[in-house]
Protein backbone atom coordinates (compact mmCIF):
# COMPACT_ATOMS: atom_id res chain seq x y z
CA MET A 1 0.00 0.00 0.00
CA VAL A 2 1.38 3.40 -0.99
CA GLU A 3 2.02 5.94 1.78
CA TYR A 4 0.06 9.17 1.48
CA GLU A 5 -1.00 12.31 3.32
CA LYS A 6 -4.63 13.45 3.46
CA ARG A 7 -5.93 16.91 4.42
CA PRO A 8 -8.70 19.42 3.58
CA MET A 9 -7.82 21.49 0.53
CA ILE A 10 -6.95 25.15 0.94
CA ALA A 11 -8.85 27.81 -1.03
CA GLU A 12 -6.02 28.25 -3.55
CA GLU A 13 -6.36 24.59 -4.54
CA ASP A 14 -10.13 24.55 -5.12
CA LYS A 15 -9.94 25.76 -8.72
CA TYR A 16 -7.78 22.77 -9.69
CA THR A 17 -10.72 20.39 -9.18
CA PHE A 18 -12.57 21.81 -12.19
CA ARG A 19 -11.91 21.59 -15.91
CA GLN A 20 -9.23 24.07 -16.98
CA SER A 21 -7.62 25.21 -20.19
CA THR A 22 -5.07 23.10 -22.06
CA GLN A 23 -2.37 25.63 -21.17
CA ILE A 24 -2.92 25.53 -17.40
CA SER A 25 -3.60 21.80 -17.29
CA GLY A 26 -0.29 21.23 -19.06
CA GLN A 27 1.63 23.54 -16.73
CA CYS A 28 0.19 21.80 -13.67
CA GLY A 29 0.94 18.27 -14.84
CA LEU A 30 -2.69 17.14 -15.02
CA ILE A 31 -2.74 13.44 -15.88
CA GLY A 32 -6.52 13.03 -15.94
CA HIS A 33 -9.53 12.89 -13.68
CA LEU A 34 -11.81 10.27 -12.18
CA ARG A 35 -15.55 10.83 -11.74
CA GLY A 36 -17.58 8.66 -9.40
CA ASP A 37 -21.01 8.27 -7.85
CA MET A 38 -22.43 6.03 -5.14
CA GLY A 39 -25.67 5.13 -6.89
CA SER A 40 -29.23 5.44 -5.64
CA SER A 41 -28.53 3.33 -2.54
CA GLY A 42 -25.44 5.29 -1.55
CA ASN A 43 -23.46 2.04 -1.18
CA GLU A 44 -22.37 1.60 -4.80
CA PHE A 45 -19.27 3.00 -6.49
CA HIS A 46 -19.31 3.66 -10.23
CA THR A 47 -16.41 5.51 -11.85
CA THR A 48 -15.38 6.89 -15.22
CA TRP A 49 -11.86 7.98 -16.16
CA TRP A 50 -10.84 10.84 -18.50
CA ASP A 51 -7.29 11.02 -19.84
CA TYR A 52 -5.44 14.29 -20.23
CA ARG A 53 -1.84 13.12 -20.57
CA GLN A 54 -1.88 9.48 -21.61
CA ASP A 55 1.91 9.46 -21.72
CA MET A 56 1.98 10.23 -17.97
CA ARG A 57 -0.57 7.52 -17.09
CA THR A 58 2.13 5.00 -16.25
CA ASP A 59 1.79 1.78 -14.31
CA GLU A 60 3.35 3.60 -11.35
CA PHE A 61 0.62 6.24 -11.49
CA ALA A 62 -2.17 3.68 -11.96
CA HIS A 63 -1.04 1.77 -8.88
CA ALA A 64 -0.86 4.99 -6.83
CA LEU A 65 -4.37 6.05 -7.89
CA ASP A 66 -5.82 2.60 -7.17
CA ASP A 67 -4.17 2.50 -3.75
CA VAL A 68 -5.44 5.96 -2.78
CA ILE A 69 -9.03 5.36 -3.92
CA ASN A 70 -9.18 1.87 -2.39
CA SER A 71 -7.83 3.20 0.91
CA LEU A 72 -10.47 5.95 0.97
CA ARG A 73 -13.14 3.28 0.38
CA GLU A 74 -12.18 1.26 3.43
CA GLN A 75 -14.60 1.05 6.35
CA GLY A 76 -14.89 4.37 8.17
CA ASP A 77 -13.09 6.41 5.53
CA ILE A 78 -14.49 9.17 3.29
CA LEU A 79 -15.59 7.08 0.30
CA GLU A 80 -16.94 4.04 2.11
CA ASN A 81 -20.48 5.12 1.18
CA ARG A 82 -22.60 8.27 0.94
CA ALA A 83 -23.33 8.21 4.67
CA ALA A 84 -19.59 8.28 5.43
CA LEU A 85 -19.12 11.11 2.96
CA SER A 86 -21.94 13.08 4.59
CA ARG A 87 -20.42 12.46 7.99
CA TYR A 88 -17.06 13.76 6.80
CA ALA A 89 -18.70 16.92 5.42
CA TYR A 90 -20.47 17.54 8.72
CA GLU A 91 -17.39 16.90 10.86
CA THR A 92 -14.91 18.78 8.64
CA PRO A 93 -16.47 22.16 7.79
CA GLN A 94 -13.02 23.58 7.00
CA SER A 95 -13.01 21.46 3.84
CA LYS A 96 -16.09 23.28 2.44
CA MET A 97 -15.14 24.79 -0.90
CA ASN A 98 -15.82 28.42 -1.75
CA THR A 99 -18.64 27.77 -4.22
CA ASP A 100 -22.43 28.00 -4.19
CA ARG A 101 -22.59 24.21 -4.46
CA ASN A 102 -22.30 21.70 -1.62
CA PHE A 103 -18.70 20.79 -2.45
CA TYR A 104 -15.93 19.69 -0.10
CA GLY A 105 -12.27 19.51 -1.02
CA VAL A 106 -9.69 16.96 0.06
CA ARG A 107 -6.10 16.69 -1.09
CA VAL A 108 -4.23 13.40 -0.97
CA ASP A 109 -0.48 13.42 -1.68
CA THR A 110 1.90 10.60 -2.46
CA GLU A 111 5.60 11.15 -2.99
CA LYS A 112 5.12 11.86 -6.71
CA TYR A 113 1.43 12.59 -7.25
CA ALA A 114 -1.26 14.91 -5.92
CA PHE A 115 -4.90 13.82 -5.94
CA LEU A 116 -7.38 16.68 -5.51
CA LEU A 117 -10.86 15.43 -4.62
CA ARG A 118 -14.02 17.47 -5.07
CA LEU A 119 -16.68 15.70 -3.02
CA CYS A 120 -20.45 16.16 -2.93
CA PRO A 121 -22.53 14.16 -0.42
CA ASP A 122 -25.86 14.92 -2.14
CA LYS A 123 -27.90 12.13 -3.69
CA GLY A 124 -28.41 12.62 -7.43
CA ASP A 125 -25.06 14.39 -7.96
CA TYR A 126 -21.73 12.90 -8.84
CA ASN A 127 -20.15 12.30 -5.45
CA LEU A 128 -16.50 12.39 -6.52
CA TYR A 129 -14.25 14.21 -8.94
CA CYS A 130 -10.58 13.32 -8.45
CA TYR A 131 -8.12 15.42 -10.46
CA CYS A 132 -4.71 13.78 -10.64
CA TYR A 133 -1.50 15.79 -10.97
CA ARG A 134 2.24 15.50 -10.86
CA ARG A 135 2.74 16.86 -7.38
CA ASP A 136 5.87 18.94 -8.10
CA TRP A 137 4.34 20.55 -11.19
CA LEU A 138 1.11 21.45 -9.40
CA ASP A 139 2.85 22.87 -6.32
CA ASP A 140 5.20 24.94 -8.48
CA HIS A 141 2.27 26.46 -10.38
CA ILE A 142 0.36 27.25 -7.17
CA ARG A 143 3.48 28.84 -5.66
CA ARG A 144 4.08 31.06 -8.68
CA ALA A 145 0.39 31.93 -9.09
CA ALA A 146 0.29 33.17 -5.48
CA LYS A 147 2.01 36.35 -6.71
CA GLY A 148 -1.22 37.24 -8.49
CA ILE A 149 -2.00 38.56 -11.96
CA ARG A 150 -0.74 42.02 -12.83
CA PHE A 151 -2.69 44.53 -14.89
CA VAL A 152 -0.63 47.39 -16.28
CA ASP A 153 -1.09 50.45 -18.46
CA THR A 154 0.64 50.87 -21.82
CA HIS A 155 3.66 52.37 -20.04
CA TYR A 156 4.01 49.15 -18.01
CA LYS A 157 2.91 50.83 -14.78
CA GLU A 158 0.96 48.46 -12.55
CA LYS A 159 -2.69 49.49 -12.14
CA PHE A 160 -3.84 46.65 -9.90
CA ARG A 161 -3.22 42.99 -9.15
CA ILE A 162 -5.74 40.21 -8.56
CA PRO A 163 -5.44 36.68 -7.18
CA ASP A 164 -5.29 33.79 -9.62
CA GLY A 165 -8.86 32.83 -10.55
CA ASP A 166 -10.47 36.19 -9.77
CA LYS A 167 -12.48 38.16 -12.33
CA ILE A 168 -12.19 41.52 -14.05
CA ARG A 169 -14.91 43.66 -15.60
CA ILE A 170 -14.24 45.23 -18.99
CA THR A 171 -16.48 48.22 -19.75
CA TYR A 172 -16.51 49.43 -23.34
CA ARG A 173 -17.05 53.01 -24.48
CA ASP A 174 -20.71 52.29 -25.33
CA GLY A 175 -21.33 51.29 -21.70
CA GLU A 176 -21.58 47.55 -22.38
CA TRP A 177 -19.51 45.36 -20.08
CA VAL A 178 -18.34 41.77 -19.75
CA ASP A 179 -16.80 39.88 -16.83
CA ARG A 180 -13.84 37.59 -17.46
CA THR A 181 -12.16 35.02 -15.22
CA CYS A 182 -8.37 35.40 -15.16
CA ARG A 183 -5.76 32.71 -14.61
CA TYR A 184 -2.06 33.07 -13.99
CA ILE A 185 0.24 31.77 -16.74
CA ASP A 186 3.50 33.46 -15.74
CA ASP A 187 4.61 36.89 -14.54
CA TYR A 188 4.01 38.40 -17.98
CA HIS A 189 1.07 36.41 -19.36
CA ALA A 190 -2.47 35.75 -18.20
CA GLU A 191 -5.42 33.76 -19.43
CA ILE A 192 -8.30 36.24 -19.65
CA GLY A 193 -11.50 34.48 -20.53
CA ASP A 194 -10.62 32.04 -23.29
CA ASN A 195 -7.54 33.89 -24.54
CA ILE A 196 -3.94 34.25 -23.39
CA PHE A 197 -2.41 37.73 -23.44
CA HIS A 198 0.90 39.32 -22.63
CA ILE A 199 -0.01 41.89 -19.99
CA CYS A 200 1.24 44.75 -22.24
CA GLU A 201 -0.70 43.43 -25.22
CA PHE A 202 -3.88 43.41 -23.15
CA ALA A 203 -3.24 46.99 -21.96
CA GLU A 204 -2.74 48.13 -25.55
CA ARG A 205 -5.96 46.47 -26.68
CA MET A 206 -7.92 48.10 -23.88
CA GLU A 207 -6.48 51.53 -24.69
CA ALA A 208 -7.14 51.14 -28.42
CA SER A 209 -10.79 50.22 -27.79
CA GLU A 210 -11.20 52.89 -25.07
CA ALA A 211 -12.25 50.20 -22.62
CA LYS A 212 -11.86 50.38 -18.85
CA THR A 213 -10.82 47.39 -16.77
CA ILE A 214 -11.51 46.98 -13.05
CA PRO A 215 -11.01 44.04 -10.66
CA LEU A 216 -13.95 42.12 -9.24
CA ARG A 217 -12.15 40.82 -6.19
CA SER A 218 -13.50 37.57 -4.76
CA SER A 219 -12.64 38.90 -1.30
CA LEU A 220 -15.52 41.38 -1.66
CA PRO A 221 -19.24 40.60 -1.35
CA ASP A 222 -21.59 41.31 -4.25
CA ARG A 223 -23.18 44.16 -2.27
CA CYS A 224 -23.25 45.74 1.16
CA TYR A 225 -24.88 48.54 3.16
CA VAL A 226 -23.20 51.92 3.70
CA PHE A 227 -23.99 55.00 5.74
CA VAL A 228 -23.77 58.20 3.68
CA PRO A 229 -23.08 61.15 6.04
CA SER A 230 -23.37 63.79 3.28
CA ALA A 231 -26.97 62.74 2.60
CA ASN A 232 -27.70 61.36 6.09
CA GLU A 233 -29.09 58.15 4.64
CA ILE A 234 -28.43 54.43 4.34
CA GLY A 235 -27.57 53.07 0.92
CA THR A 236 -26.29 49.92 -0.73
CA VAL A 237 -23.31 49.61 -3.02
CA LYS A 238 -22.73 46.90 -5.61
CA LYS A 239 -19.33 45.48 -6.44
CA GLY A 240 -17.99 47.00 -9.63
CA GLU A 241 -20.46 49.92 -9.71
CA SER A 242 -19.92 53.58 -8.82
CA GLY A 243 -22.14 55.42 -6.35
CA TYR A 244 -24.84 53.90 -4.19
CA TYR A 245 -28.51 52.98 -4.23
CA LYS A 246 -30.97 54.55 -1.80
CA THR A 247 -32.76 52.17 0.56
CA GLY A 248 -35.31 54.42 2.24
CA ILE A 249 -34.46 52.90 5.62
CA SER A 250 -35.39 55.35 8.36
CA PHE A 251 -33.41 56.06 11.54
CA ALA A 252 -33.45 58.67 14.29
CA SER A 253 -29.80 59.78 14.33
CA PRO A 254 -26.52 59.27 12.44
CA GLU A 255 -25.34 57.03 15.25
CA GLU A 256 -28.40 54.83 14.84
CA GLY A 257 -27.92 54.82 11.06
CA LYS A 258 -24.33 53.64 11.38
CA ALA A 259 -25.38 50.99 13.89
CA LEU A 260 -28.07 49.72 11.51
CA VAL A 261 -25.55 49.49 8.68
CA GLU A 262 -23.22 47.39 10.82
CA GLN A 263 -26.14 45.22 11.90
CA TYR A 264 -27.40 44.63 8.34
CA ASN A 265 -23.90 43.89 7.02
CA ALA A 266 -23.17 41.47 9.85
CA LYS A 267 -26.46 39.68 9.18
CA HIS A 268 -25.36 39.12 5.57
CA GLY A 269 -21.85 38.02 6.52
CA VAL A 270 -20.12 41.22 5.41
CA SER A 271 -17.16 42.14 7.60
CA LYS A 272 -16.18 45.69 8.52
CA ALA A 273 -13.08 45.43 6.33
CA GLN A 274 -15.20 44.34 3.36
CA ALA A 275 -17.71 47.15 3.94
CA ALA A 276 -14.91 49.73 4.09
CA ALA A 277 -13.35 48.42 0.87
CA MET A 278 -16.73 48.35 -0.88
CA SER A 279 -17.45 51.92 0.16
CA ALA A 280 -14.06 53.10 -1.09
CA GLY A 281 -14.40 51.21 -4.37
CA SER A 282 -17.78 52.77 -5.11
CA MET A 283 -16.33 56.25 -4.54
CA PHE A 284 -12.72 56.18 -5.71
CA GLY A 285 -12.62 53.30 -8.18
CA TRP A 286 -12.39 49.53 -7.82
CA GLU A 287 -8.82 49.44 -9.09
CA THR A 288 -7.54 51.56 -6.18
CA PRO A 289 -5.75 50.00 -3.17
CA ALA A 290 -8.51 51.39 -0.94
CA ALA A 291 -10.94 48.93 -2.56
CA ASP A 292 -8.94 45.92 -1.37
CA THR A 293 -9.80 44.30 1.98
CA LYS A 294 -6.15 43.51 2.69
CA ASN A 295 -5.60 47.22 3.37
CA TYR A 296 -7.98 47.25 6.38
CA ASP A 297 -7.89 45.72 9.82
CA ALA A 298 -10.75 43.73 11.33
CA GLY A 299 -12.44 46.94 12.46
CA GLY A 300 -12.49 48.38 8.95
CA VAL A 301 -9.70 50.88 9.69
CA PRO A 302 -7.10 51.38 6.93
CA VAL A 303 -3.77 49.82 7.83
CA LYS A 304 -1.87 52.25 5.60
CA SER A 305 -2.01 55.94 6.46
CA LYS A 306 -2.08 57.04 2.81
CA HIS A 307 -5.50 55.40 2.48
CA ARG A 308 -6.87 56.67 5.77
CA ASP A 309 -8.65 59.69 4.30
CA ARG A 310 -10.41 57.44 1.82
CA GLY A 311 -11.81 55.21 4.50
CA ASP A 312 -14.19 57.79 5.94
CA ALA A 313 -14.82 60.10 3.01
CA ARG A 314 -18.57 59.54 2.84
């Protein structure tokens, strides 16, 4: 039996349990993926295999994959049956993936291979997707991608940087806009939507078409409440949009208004740092450092003095 390590996946690994482009799959050493379900009874185990790199599907790899899956199917382990999978999901909330679906991520490593499992305990869904990688290739790509994706102007000055897998919004001169997912290729190239660009080439295309590009950071909520001192009212702001929307919520004093905003945001899971970044983005632009949660402490106070005036400008 092969020796391996098993742990919940971290957020940076989640994206590698979904289908990716040929370029990224090749860089990460994707060998293929296994899909499985536990049938209507929850005690079955039906699988289908998809090749990506047949030349890397060696006997050594096949034995490692078989050993890992068979070990996970032993009594009391994750893949014994759907009940065991549901129990794992309940007892290991830290493995919940950052998606709208009921997905849980587990990474299993052998000396040479990394097996990234996307698990779903729900009846009627596929219960397992196992993406299989060369461990050193995958870890190298994740390490390099942690630097983020740079967006520059035509003079090569950095405008903003986003994490690998985040989205941007491109707004054209006629007001139409599209959102594109971005993936890290290397320090000078990014996959934007379905195309790969040199970061300077992308900047030149945006300038030529008079388009504006802003980040849609995954660290920000889609919307939040804000208190607007200049109008003495409560509004909502939407990620990627300028200004705010009136709510008509009544309150007796500014102090009560601010308290209500904090209460409403907390109810919707919006932190003070997120609310501060959202407020700044709606006023000063989503590409500015003030629109990034990493520049605020837990209380929503800017951690860099040069952004302090922007934190309370409303």
